[in-house]
Amino acid sequence: MGATQYDCRSYRGNGVHSMSNKTHKGIHKRLKRTATGKVLRRRSGKRHLMSTKSARRARRLSGWRPVAKPDVKTTEKQYGKV
């Protein structure tokens, strides 16, 4: 079998290990959390071929943007505890 999404490092003391979700490391490296708890992402399309893109377009692609509302719940679950 492959790797699981659970980690049983939490020990309750009565001989039972409680399961906890592992942080998705790919998500953790690509996103960041604000002090208020919002999840932010980078805009795609600014890695290469920048000479063909206008300066206005390049500025628009820079900076952090909030994650779309339909994706917030899934993203926060994968991001893990802060």
N, C-alpha and C. Protein backbone atom coordinates (compact mmCIF):
# COMPACT_ATOMS: atom_id res chain seq x y z
N MET A 1 0.83 -1.19 0.00
CA MET A 1 0.00 0.00 0.00
C MET A 1 0.87 1.25 0.00
N GLY A 2 0.30 2.35 -0.45
CA GLY A 2 1.02 3.61 -0.51
C GLY A 2 0.98 4.36 0.80
N ALA A 3 1.46 5.57 0.78
CA ALA A 3 1.48 6.40 1.98
C ALA A 3 0.06 6.84 2.34
N THR A 4 -0.17 6.97 3.62
CA THR A 4 -1.49 7.42 4.09
C THR A 4 -1.47 8.91 4.34
N GLN A 5 -2.65 9.47 4.47
CA GLN A 5 -2.76 10.90 4.76
C GLN A 5 -2.82 11.15 6.25
N TYR A 6 -2.71 10.10 7.06
CA TYR A 6 -2.88 10.27 8.49
C TYR A 6 -1.57 10.02 9.21
N ASP A 7 -1.46 10.60 10.36
CA ASP A 7 -0.27 10.49 11.17
C ASP A 7 -0.73 10.17 12.59
N CYS A 8 -0.18 9.16 13.19
CA CYS A 8 -0.64 8.79 14.53
C CYS A 8 0.42 9.12 15.57
N ARG A 9 0.96 10.32 15.52
CA ARG A 9 1.93 10.74 16.52
C ARG A 9 1.26 11.19 17.82
N SER A 10 -0.03 11.57 17.73
CA SER A 10 -0.75 12.02 18.91
C SER A 10 -1.08 10.80 19.78
N TYR A 11 -0.75 10.86 21.03
CA TYR A 11 -0.98 9.75 21.93
C TYR A 11 -1.91 10.21 23.03
N ARG A 12 -3.02 9.52 23.21
CA ARG A 12 -4.03 9.93 24.19
C ARG A 12 -3.67 9.54 25.62
N GLY A 13 -2.87 8.51 25.80
CA GLY A 13 -2.50 8.10 27.15
C GLY A 13 -3.18 6.82 27.58
N ASN A 14 -4.28 6.44 26.91
CA ASN A 14 -4.98 5.22 27.28
C ASN A 14 -4.66 4.07 26.32
N GLY A 15 -3.56 4.18 25.62
CA GLY A 15 -3.15 3.13 24.70
C GLY A 15 -3.69 3.29 23.30
N VAL A 16 -4.45 4.37 23.05
CA VAL A 16 -5.05 4.59 21.74
C VAL A 16 -4.38 5.78 21.08
N HIS A 17 -3.97 5.60 19.83
CA HIS A 17 -3.40 6.70 19.07
C HIS A 17 -4.52 7.41 18.31
N SER A 18 -4.60 8.72 18.44
CA SER A 18 -5.60 9.46 17.67
C SER A 18 -4.98 9.86 16.34
N MET A 19 -5.75 9.77 15.28
CA MET A 19 -5.26 10.08 13.95
C MET A 19 -5.35 11.58 13.70
N SER A 20 -4.37 12.12 12.99
CA SER A 20 -4.41 13.52 12.62
C SER A 20 -3.96 13.65 11.17
N ASN A 21 -4.49 14.61 10.45
CA ASN A 21 -4.13 14.81 9.05
C ASN A 21 -2.72 15.36 8.93
N LYS A 22 -1.99 14.89 7.93
CA LYS A 22 -0.67 15.43 7.65
C LYS A 22 -0.80 16.68 6.78
N THR A 23 0.12 17.59 6.93
CA THR A 23 0.16 18.78 6.08
C THR A 23 0.62 18.39 4.69
N HIS A 24 -0.05 18.89 3.66
CA HIS A 24 0.36 18.65 2.28
C HIS A 24 1.52 19.61 1.99
N LYS A 25 2.72 19.08 1.87
CA LYS A 25 3.92 19.92 1.78
C LYS A 25 3.95 20.77 0.51
N GLY A 26 3.39 20.27 -0.59
CA GLY A 26 3.34 21.06 -1.82
C GLY A 26 2.49 22.30 -1.65
N ILE A 27 1.34 22.14 -1.00
CA ILE A 27 0.44 23.27 -0.72
C ILE A 27 1.14 24.24 0.23
N HIS A 28 1.78 23.69 1.24
CA HIS A 28 2.42 24.52 2.27
C HIS A 28 3.52 25.41 1.68
N LYS A 29 4.21 24.92 0.65
CA LYS A 29 5.29 25.70 0.04
C LYS A 29 4.76 26.78 -0.91
N ARG A 30 3.58 26.56 -1.47
CA ARG A 30 3.06 27.47 -2.50
C ARG A 30 2.12 28.54 -1.97
N LEU A 31 1.57 28.34 -0.79
CA LEU A 31 0.60 29.27 -0.24
C LEU A 31 1.13 29.87 1.05
N LYS A 32 0.46 30.95 1.49
CA LYS A 32 0.78 31.49 2.81
C LYS A 32 -0.49 31.97 3.47
N ARG A 33 -0.44 32.05 4.77
CA ARG A 33 -1.59 32.47 5.56
C ARG A 33 -1.35 33.85 6.14
N THR A 34 -2.40 34.67 6.16
CA THR A 34 -2.30 35.99 6.77
C THR A 34 -2.58 35.89 8.26
N ALA A 35 -2.40 36.99 8.98
CA ALA A 35 -2.67 37.01 10.41
C ALA A 35 -4.15 36.81 10.70
N THR A 36 -5.01 37.20 9.76
CA THR A 36 -6.45 37.04 9.95
C THR A 36 -6.95 35.67 9.53
N GLY A 37 -6.07 34.84 8.93
CA GLY A 37 -6.44 33.48 8.57
C GLY A 37 -6.76 33.25 7.11
N LYS A 38 -6.65 34.30 6.28
CA LYS A 38 -6.91 34.11 4.85
C LYS A 38 -5.75 33.34 4.22
N VAL A 39 -6.07 32.56 3.18
CA VAL A 39 -5.05 31.80 2.45
C VAL A 39 -4.76 32.54 1.15
N LEU A 40 -3.48 32.82 0.89
CA LEU A 40 -3.07 33.56 -0.29
C LEU A 40 -2.27 32.68 -1.24
N ARG A 41 -2.37 32.98 -2.53
CA ARG A 41 -1.66 32.24 -3.57
C ARG A 41 -0.98 33.22 -4.51
N ARG A 42 -0.07 32.70 -5.33
CA ARG A 42 0.58 33.51 -6.37
C ARG A 42 -0.18 33.36 -7.68
N ARG A 43 -0.07 34.33 -8.57
CA ARG A 43 -0.65 34.24 -9.90
C ARG A 43 0.27 33.41 -10.78
N SER A 44 -0.31 32.61 -11.66
CA SER A 44 0.51 31.79 -12.56
C SER A 44 0.86 32.59 -13.81
N GLY A 45 1.87 32.13 -14.55
CA GLY A 45 2.21 32.73 -15.83
C GLY A 45 3.36 33.72 -15.80
N LYS A 46 4.14 33.72 -14.72
CA LYS A 46 5.24 34.69 -14.64
C LYS A 46 6.60 34.01 -14.50
N ARG A 47 6.70 32.76 -14.93
CA ARG A 47 7.95 32.02 -14.79
C ARG A 47 8.89 32.19 -15.98
N HIS A 48 8.34 32.25 -17.18
CA HIS A 48 9.19 32.35 -18.37
C HIS A 48 8.41 33.05 -19.48
N LEU A 49 9.10 33.33 -20.59
CA LEU A 49 8.52 34.05 -21.73
C LEU A 49 8.00 35.44 -21.34
N MET A 50 8.71 36.09 -20.45
CA MET A 50 8.26 37.40 -19.97
C MET A 50 8.50 38.51 -20.99
N SER A 51 9.40 38.29 -21.95
CA SER A 51 9.68 39.34 -22.92
C SER A 51 8.50 39.58 -23.86
N THR A 52 7.65 38.58 -24.02
CA THR A 52 6.49 38.74 -24.90
C THR A 52 5.29 39.35 -24.18
N LYS A 53 5.37 39.46 -22.86
CA LYS A 53 4.25 39.99 -22.08
C LYS A 53 4.49 41.47 -21.79
N SER A 54 3.42 42.24 -21.81
CA SER A 54 3.54 43.67 -21.57
C SER A 54 3.84 43.92 -20.09
N ALA A 55 4.37 45.10 -19.80
CA ALA A 55 4.69 45.46 -18.43
C ALA A 55 3.42 45.50 -17.58
N ARG A 56 2.34 45.95 -18.18
CA ARG A 56 1.06 46.01 -17.45
C ARG A 56 0.61 44.60 -17.04
N ARG A 57 0.74 43.66 -17.98
CA ARG A 57 0.37 42.28 -17.71
C ARG A 57 1.27 41.66 -16.65
N ALA A 58 2.56 41.96 -16.73
CA ALA A 58 3.52 41.44 -15.75
C ALA A 58 3.21 41.96 -14.35
N ARG A 59 2.85 43.23 -14.24
CA ARG A 59 2.47 43.79 -12.93
C ARG A 59 1.22 43.13 -12.38
N ARG A 60 0.29 42.86 -13.27
CA ARG A 60 -0.96 42.21 -12.86
C ARG A 60 -0.71 40.79 -12.34
N LEU A 61 0.29 40.13 -12.90
CA LEU A 61 0.61 38.76 -12.51
C LEU A 61 1.41 38.69 -11.21
N SER A 62 1.97 39.80 -10.76
CA SER A 62 2.79 39.78 -9.56
C SER A 62 1.93 39.91 -8.32
N GLY A 63 2.51 39.57 -7.20
CA GLY A 63 1.83 39.74 -5.92
C GLY A 63 1.01 38.54 -5.51
N TRP A 64 0.41 38.64 -4.34
CA TRP A 64 -0.39 37.58 -3.75
C TRP A 64 -1.87 37.87 -3.92
N ARG A 65 -2.66 36.85 -4.15
CA ARG A 65 -4.11 36.97 -4.31
C ARG A 65 -4.78 35.97 -3.37
N PRO A 66 -5.98 36.25 -2.89
CA PRO A 66 -6.68 35.27 -2.05
C PRO A 66 -7.12 34.06 -2.88
N VAL A 67 -7.17 32.92 -2.25
CA VAL A 67 -7.64 31.70 -2.91
C VAL A 67 -9.13 31.84 -3.16
N ALA A 68 -9.63 31.29 -4.28
CA ALA A 68 -11.04 31.38 -4.63
C ALA A 68 -11.90 30.71 -3.56
N LYS A 69 -13.08 31.26 -3.33
CA LYS A 69 -13.96 30.76 -2.26
C LYS A 69 -14.28 29.27 -2.34
N PRO A 70 -14.55 28.71 -3.55
CA PRO A 70 -14.85 27.27 -3.59
C PRO A 70 -13.66 26.40 -3.17
N ASP A 71 -12.44 26.93 -3.26
CA ASP A 71 -11.24 26.14 -2.96
C ASP A 71 -10.73 26.33 -1.53
N VAL A 72 -11.30 27.27 -0.80
CA VAL A 72 -10.77 27.62 0.52
C VAL A 72 -10.85 26.44 1.49
N LYS A 73 -11.98 25.77 1.56
CA LYS A 73 -12.17 24.68 2.52
C LYS A 73 -11.17 23.56 2.30
N THR A 74 -11.01 23.13 1.05
CA THR A 74 -10.07 22.06 0.72
C THR A 74 -8.64 22.49 1.00
N THR A 75 -8.32 23.73 0.62
CA THR A 75 -6.97 24.24 0.81
C THR A 75 -6.60 24.31 2.28
N GLU A 76 -7.51 24.80 3.11
CA GLU A 76 -7.23 24.90 4.54
C GLU A 76 -7.04 23.53 5.17
N LYS A 77 -7.80 22.55 4.72
CA LYS A 77 -7.65 21.19 5.25
C LYS A 77 -6.28 20.63 4.89
N GLN A 78 -5.83 20.85 3.66
CA GLN A 78 -4.53 20.34 3.23
C GLN A 78 -3.38 21.14 3.83
N TYR A 79 -3.61 22.42 4.09
CA TYR A 79 -2.56 23.30 4.62
C TYR A 79 -2.14 22.88 6.02
N GLY A 80 -3.08 22.42 6.80
CA GLY A 80 -2.77 21.96 8.15
C GLY A 80 -2.86 23.10 9.16
N LYS A 81 -2.44 22.78 10.38
CA LYS A 81 -2.50 23.76 11.45
C LYS A 81 -1.45 24.83 11.26
N VAL A 82 -1.77 26.02 11.72
CA VAL A 82 -0.82 27.14 11.58
C VAL A 82 -0.12 27.36 12.89
